[in-house]
Each structure stands twice: as structure tokens, then as C-alpha cells.
Amino acid sequence: MGHWITLKPEGAGPIQAWRADPAGKPRGGVVVIQEIFGVNAHIRAVTDRFASEGYLAIAPAVFDHIEKDFDVGYDPDSRARGMAVVGKLDFEQTLRDAAAATEVAREGGKVGIVGYCFGGSIAWAAAARLKGLSVAVGYYGGRIIAMKDLKPGVPTLLHFGEKDQHIPVAGVRELAAAHPEVEVHIYPAEHGFNCDHRESYDAPSAARAWTRTLEFFRKHLG
């Protein structure tokens, strides 16, 4: 369903992005921000899935600034490679990448952003700092708690796993208490529970989170 396009974000050279168009007139646009594993088969499938639900979906390959065509699996070596790239990445540039993707997604109407893991943190920051968004959804973003002082400027939904070894659930509860305007859900699952390519995949939690995400986008995008 999708295909590669080129984005030209401010502050850096061009990057690739996976674009998936709906069959008919778009209900809106969705920017999909990757995990540390690149715009790999899973992220492309997620992007295609949003398109199948009627949204013009764009997944910018934000790692292109460091390593072109980064696309790995979920074994320990791949995880280490992904973490190494994140360590070199400019967080501010990633927000500019998201802004460039938002501009393209606006062809579909109102735009939302959704991010997973690393991308979940980007989605949280984007909700507070990027113009042109109407809604934001973040899945188990590891930096969100550290950025809890940010104030989302758009309706925001967050998903976390109760058994996440990387994100303490106590911190998630503190975040939820500090932001009563944000919809926060905690699932009986581990980190990465939405990804059906990972051992931590939890089908019931992933299905519930997907339903809530889609309902949230329907409410705020169309």
C-alpha cells in the first residue's frame, strides 16, 4: 500500500519517508514516528494500517541523518545498533523531521501524530511544541516521564505497559496525576507490547490500545 517519498526538513538534508494513502478521500493525516529499529517492516505495516482506516499516513525515516536506510530487527545486536544511532541523533532535528512529515500529511486534512518507544517520546514533545497538529498519541515513550513538565497543546493519549522494565509504572502514575487533561492507559504488558515482531508482543493489550488510538483519532481528526 505504501511507498517511499523524500522529505526536506529544516535544519538538515533530505530524508526518506514511508507514505501510505487511503483508498478514498482521507479522513485526516497521521505522522508515524518509529522505534529505534528504523522504518522497518513493522513500522511500514503500522503506517499502512492507518491508511487502511482512511488516513494519509507518513513515517519519516529520522535515522537517515545518521545512517541511511536503517532497518533492523529486534535481536540484541540490532537493539545495540539502534541505541547507538539514537545517541548520535539530534532530538530537535527529529522534531523538525516530524514537522516536515506533518506538512505532507496535511494533504489529508487535520493531522495527528503517533509514536512508538523512541517515537512515543517524540510524539509527546511534538504535542507541546509543534504547530499544525490536532492530536497526539504516544506508546511507551521512555523519555516522557523526564519531560513531564511539558504541556501538550493538543488532545493527547498515552499507552504504557505495567511490566515495562524501562519505564517505572510509578513514574507513569505521577505523570498521569500531573496531567489530568491527558488520557493515560496502563496495560498488563511489557515494553513494546504493540509490536507483533517482538517477544514482548501482547495481543490483547495491543488490540485494546489500537481501538483506543483509532477512537481518539476519529474524535479529533475525523
Protein backbone atom coordinates (compact mmCIF):
# COMPACT_ATOMS: atom_id res chain seq x y z
CA MET A 1 0.00 0.00 0.00
CA GLY A 2 2.79 2.41 0.86
CA HIS A 3 5.80 3.77 -0.99
CA TRP A 4 8.91 5.80 -0.27
CA ILE A 5 8.98 9.58 -0.71
CA THR A 6 11.55 12.25 0.12
CA LEU A 7 11.08 14.87 2.83
CA LYS A 8 13.07 18.08 3.10
CA PRO A 9 13.08 19.07 6.78
CA GLU A 10 14.55 22.32 8.01
CA GLY A 11 18.00 22.19 9.51
CA ALA A 12 19.36 19.16 7.66
CA GLY A 13 19.49 17.28 4.38
CA PRO A 14 16.59 15.32 2.88
CA ILE A 15 15.34 12.09 4.43
CA GLN A 16 13.12 9.31 3.20
CA ALA A 17 9.61 8.63 4.50
CA TRP A 18 7.11 5.83 4.04
CA ARG A 19 3.83 7.21 2.68
CA ALA A 20 0.61 5.22 2.68
CA ASP A 21 -2.55 6.62 1.07
CA PRO A 22 -6.11 5.52 1.83
CA ALA A 23 -8.31 4.06 -0.87
CA GLY A 24 -10.68 7.01 -0.88
CA LYS A 25 -10.75 10.57 0.40
CA PRO A 26 -8.62 10.84 3.55
CA ARG A 27 -10.26 11.27 6.93
CA GLY A 28 -7.15 13.16 8.01
CA GLY A 29 -3.39 12.74 8.21
CA VAL A 30 -1.23 10.73 10.62
CA VAL A 31 2.50 11.08 11.21
CA VAL A 32 4.03 7.81 12.49
CA ILE A 33 7.31 8.06 14.42
CA GLN A 34 9.49 4.97 14.52
CA GLU A 35 11.08 2.95 17.29
CA ILE A 36 14.88 2.64 17.46
CA PHE A 37 14.75 -0.07 14.78
CA GLY A 38 14.12 2.24 11.83
CA VAL A 39 11.20 2.47 9.46
CA ASN A 40 11.30 -1.30 9.25
CA ALA A 41 8.67 -3.82 8.17
CA HIS A 42 6.68 -3.35 11.37
CA ILE A 43 6.54 0.45 11.19
CA ARG A 44 5.68 0.32 7.50
CA ALA A 45 2.86 -2.13 8.33
CA VAL A 46 1.57 0.18 11.07
CA THR A 47 1.63 3.10 8.63
CA ASP A 48 -0.23 1.04 6.05
CA ARG A 49 -2.76 0.07 8.70
CA PHE A 50 -3.59 3.70 9.42
CA ALA A 51 -4.08 4.20 5.69
CA SER A 52 -6.46 1.24 5.60
CA GLU A 53 -8.51 3.10 8.23
CA GLY A 54 -8.77 6.14 5.97
CA TYR A 55 -5.76 8.28 6.92
CA LEU A 56 -2.92 9.64 4.83
CA ALA A 57 -0.03 8.26 6.87
CA ILE A 58 3.63 9.33 6.78
CA ALA A 59 6.52 7.67 8.64
CA PRO A 60 9.70 9.79 8.37
CA ALA A 61 12.99 7.87 8.47
CA VAL A 62 14.55 10.09 11.13
CA PHE A 63 17.66 7.91 11.39
CA ASP A 64 18.60 8.89 7.82
CA HIS A 65 20.57 11.81 9.28
CA ILE A 66 22.94 9.32 10.90
CA GLU A 67 22.64 6.15 8.83
CA LYS A 68 20.70 5.87 5.58
CA ASP A 69 18.22 3.02 5.12
CA PHE A 70 18.46 1.91 8.75
CA ASP A 71 16.20 -1.14 9.05
CA VAL A 72 16.87 -3.83 11.64
CA GLY A 73 15.11 -6.50 13.66
CA TYR A 74 14.79 -6.99 17.41
CA ASP A 75 17.77 -9.14 18.42
CA PRO A 76 20.29 -7.75 20.95
CA ASP A 77 22.78 -6.66 18.27
CA SER A 78 20.09 -4.74 16.40
CA ARG A 79 18.95 -3.11 19.63
CA ALA A 80 22.53 -2.03 20.32
CA ARG A 81 22.82 -0.57 16.82
CA GLY A 82 19.59 1.34 17.28
CA MET A 83 20.65 2.72 20.64
CA ALA A 84 23.95 3.84 19.13
CA VAL A 85 22.14 5.81 16.43
CA VAL A 86 19.78 7.39 18.97
CA GLY A 87 22.82 8.51 20.92
CA LYS A 88 24.02 10.47 17.88
CA LEU A 89 20.62 11.85 16.91
CA ASP A 90 19.65 15.49 17.39
CA PHE A 91 16.31 15.45 19.24
CA GLU A 92 15.47 18.92 17.93
CA GLN A 93 16.12 17.79 14.38
CA THR A 94 13.75 14.87 14.87
CA LEU A 95 11.02 17.36 15.79
CA ARG A 96 11.80 19.26 12.59
CA ASP A 97 11.53 15.96 10.70
CA ALA A 98 8.11 15.42 12.28
CA ALA A 99 7.13 18.93 11.23
CA ALA A 100 8.11 18.18 7.62
CA ALA A 101 6.04 15.00 7.69
CA THR A 102 3.13 16.96 9.17
CA GLU A 103 3.19 19.33 6.22
CA VAL A 104 2.79 16.42 3.80
CA ALA A 105 0.13 14.75 5.95
CA ARG A 106 -1.92 17.96 5.85
CA GLU A 107 -2.89 16.97 2.32
CA GLY A 108 -5.29 14.61 4.11
CA GLY A 109 -6.82 17.23 6.41
CA LYS A 110 -6.25 17.61 10.15
CA VAL A 111 -3.08 15.87 11.33
CA GLY A 112 -2.30 13.66 14.31
CA ILE A 113 0.99 12.16 15.41
CA VAL A 114 1.64 8.72 16.89
CA GLY A 115 4.96 7.36 18.08
CA TYR A 116 6.31 4.11 19.48
CA CYS A 117 9.08 3.75 22.07
CA PHE A 118 11.62 6.40 20.98
CA GLY A 119 8.85 7.77 18.77
CA GLY A 120 6.47 7.94 21.71
CA SER A 121 8.76 10.50 23.34
CA ILE A 122 8.86 12.48 20.10
CA ALA A 123 5.06 12.44 19.93
CA TRP A 124 4.85 13.79 23.49
CA ALA A 125 7.28 16.62 22.73
CA ALA A 126 5.50 17.34 19.46
CA ALA A 127 2.16 17.65 21.26
CA ALA A 128 3.64 20.52 23.25
CA ARG A 129 5.89 22.16 20.71
CA LEU A 130 4.85 21.54 17.10
CA LYS A 131 2.34 23.64 15.24
CA GLY A 132 -0.14 22.09 12.84
CA LEU A 133 -1.13 19.08 14.94
CA SER A 134 -4.64 18.34 16.18
CA VAL A 135 -3.97 15.26 18.33
CA ALA A 136 -1.07 13.15 19.65
CA VAL A 137 -0.70 9.52 20.76
CA GLY A 138 2.38 8.04 22.40
CA TYR A 139 3.23 4.41 23.08
CA TYR A 140 5.69 3.70 25.94
CA GLY A 141 7.97 6.64 25.29
CA GLY A 142 10.98 6.27 27.57
CA ARG A 143 11.70 10.00 27.86
CA ILE A 144 8.13 11.13 28.53
CA ILE A 145 8.45 10.99 32.32
CA ALA A 146 11.63 13.08 32.16
CA MET A 147 9.70 15.59 30.03
CA LYS A 148 6.60 15.59 32.22
CA ASP A 149 6.78 19.37 32.68
CA LEU A 150 5.80 19.86 29.04
CA LYS A 151 2.23 20.99 28.48
CA PRO A 152 0.52 19.35 25.49
CA GLY A 153 -1.23 21.87 23.29
CA VAL A 154 -3.48 19.25 21.67
CA PRO A 155 -5.53 16.31 22.99
CA THR A 156 -3.05 13.61 23.97
CA LEU A 157 -3.35 9.88 24.63
CA LEU A 158 -0.55 7.77 26.16
CA HIS A 159 -0.14 3.99 26.39
CA PHE A 160 2.23 2.26 28.85
CA GLY A 161 2.93 -1.29 29.98
CA GLU A 162 2.65 -2.15 33.67
CA LYS A 163 5.51 -4.65 33.35
CA ASP A 164 7.78 -2.31 31.38
CA GLN A 165 11.33 -2.76 32.68
CA HIS A 166 12.42 0.55 31.11
CA ILE A 167 9.63 2.84 32.33
CA PRO A 168 8.67 2.58 36.02
CA VAL A 169 4.93 2.40 36.45
CA ALA A 170 5.18 4.68 39.50
CA GLY A 171 6.54 7.37 37.20
CA VAL A 172 3.68 6.82 34.78
CA ARG A 173 1.17 7.30 37.59
CA GLU A 174 2.92 10.51 38.64
CA LEU A 175 2.76 11.71 35.04
CA ALA A 176 -0.96 10.94 34.88
CA ALA A 177 -1.58 12.79 38.15
CA ALA A 178 0.36 15.82 36.88
CA HIS A 179 -1.61 15.86 33.62
CA PRO A 180 -5.29 15.12 34.31
CA GLU A 181 -6.05 16.51 30.84
CA VAL A 182 -4.04 13.68 29.24
CA GLU A 183 -5.64 10.26 28.72
CA VAL A 184 -3.18 7.71 30.16
CA HIS A 185 -3.72 3.94 29.97
CA ILE A 186 -1.62 1.24 31.61
CA TYR A 187 -1.76 -2.31 30.24
CA PRO A 188 -0.76 -5.66 31.81
CA ALA A 189 2.13 -5.88 29.37
CA GLU A 190 5.83 -5.23 28.83
CA HIS A 191 7.69 -2.62 26.82
CA GLY A 192 6.99 -2.86 23.09
CA PHE A 193 3.71 -4.71 23.59
CA ASN A 194 2.24 -3.30 20.39
CA CYS A 195 4.87 -4.83 18.08
CA ASP A 196 3.93 -8.27 16.80
CA HIS A 197 7.56 -8.82 15.73
CA ARG A 198 8.82 -8.72 19.32
CA GLU A 199 8.79 -11.30 22.10
CA SER A 200 7.10 -8.71 24.32
CA TYR A 201 4.08 -8.51 22.00
CA ASP A 202 0.83 -8.75 23.94
CA ALA A 203 -2.09 -9.25 21.56
CA PRO A 204 -4.95 -8.27 23.93
CA SER A 205 -3.15 -5.11 25.08
CA ALA A 206 -2.17 -4.20 21.52
CA ALA A 207 -5.76 -4.65 20.33
CA ARG A 208 -7.15 -2.50 23.15
CA ALA A 209 -4.57 0.22 22.57
CA TRP A 210 -5.28 0.20 18.83
CA THR A 211 -9.02 0.58 19.44
CA ARG A 212 -8.44 3.48 21.80
CA THR A 213 -5.99 5.13 19.39
CA LEU A 214 -8.38 4.83 16.49
CA GLU A 215 -11.28 6.18 18.55
CA PHE A 216 -9.10 9.10 19.63
CA PHE A 217 -8.16 9.90 16.04
CA ARG A 218 -11.76 9.55 14.90
CA LYS A 219 -12.81 12.04 17.57
CA HIS A 220 -10.15 14.66 16.88
CA LEU A 221 -9.33 14.15 13.18
CA GLY A 222 -12.41 12.65 11.57
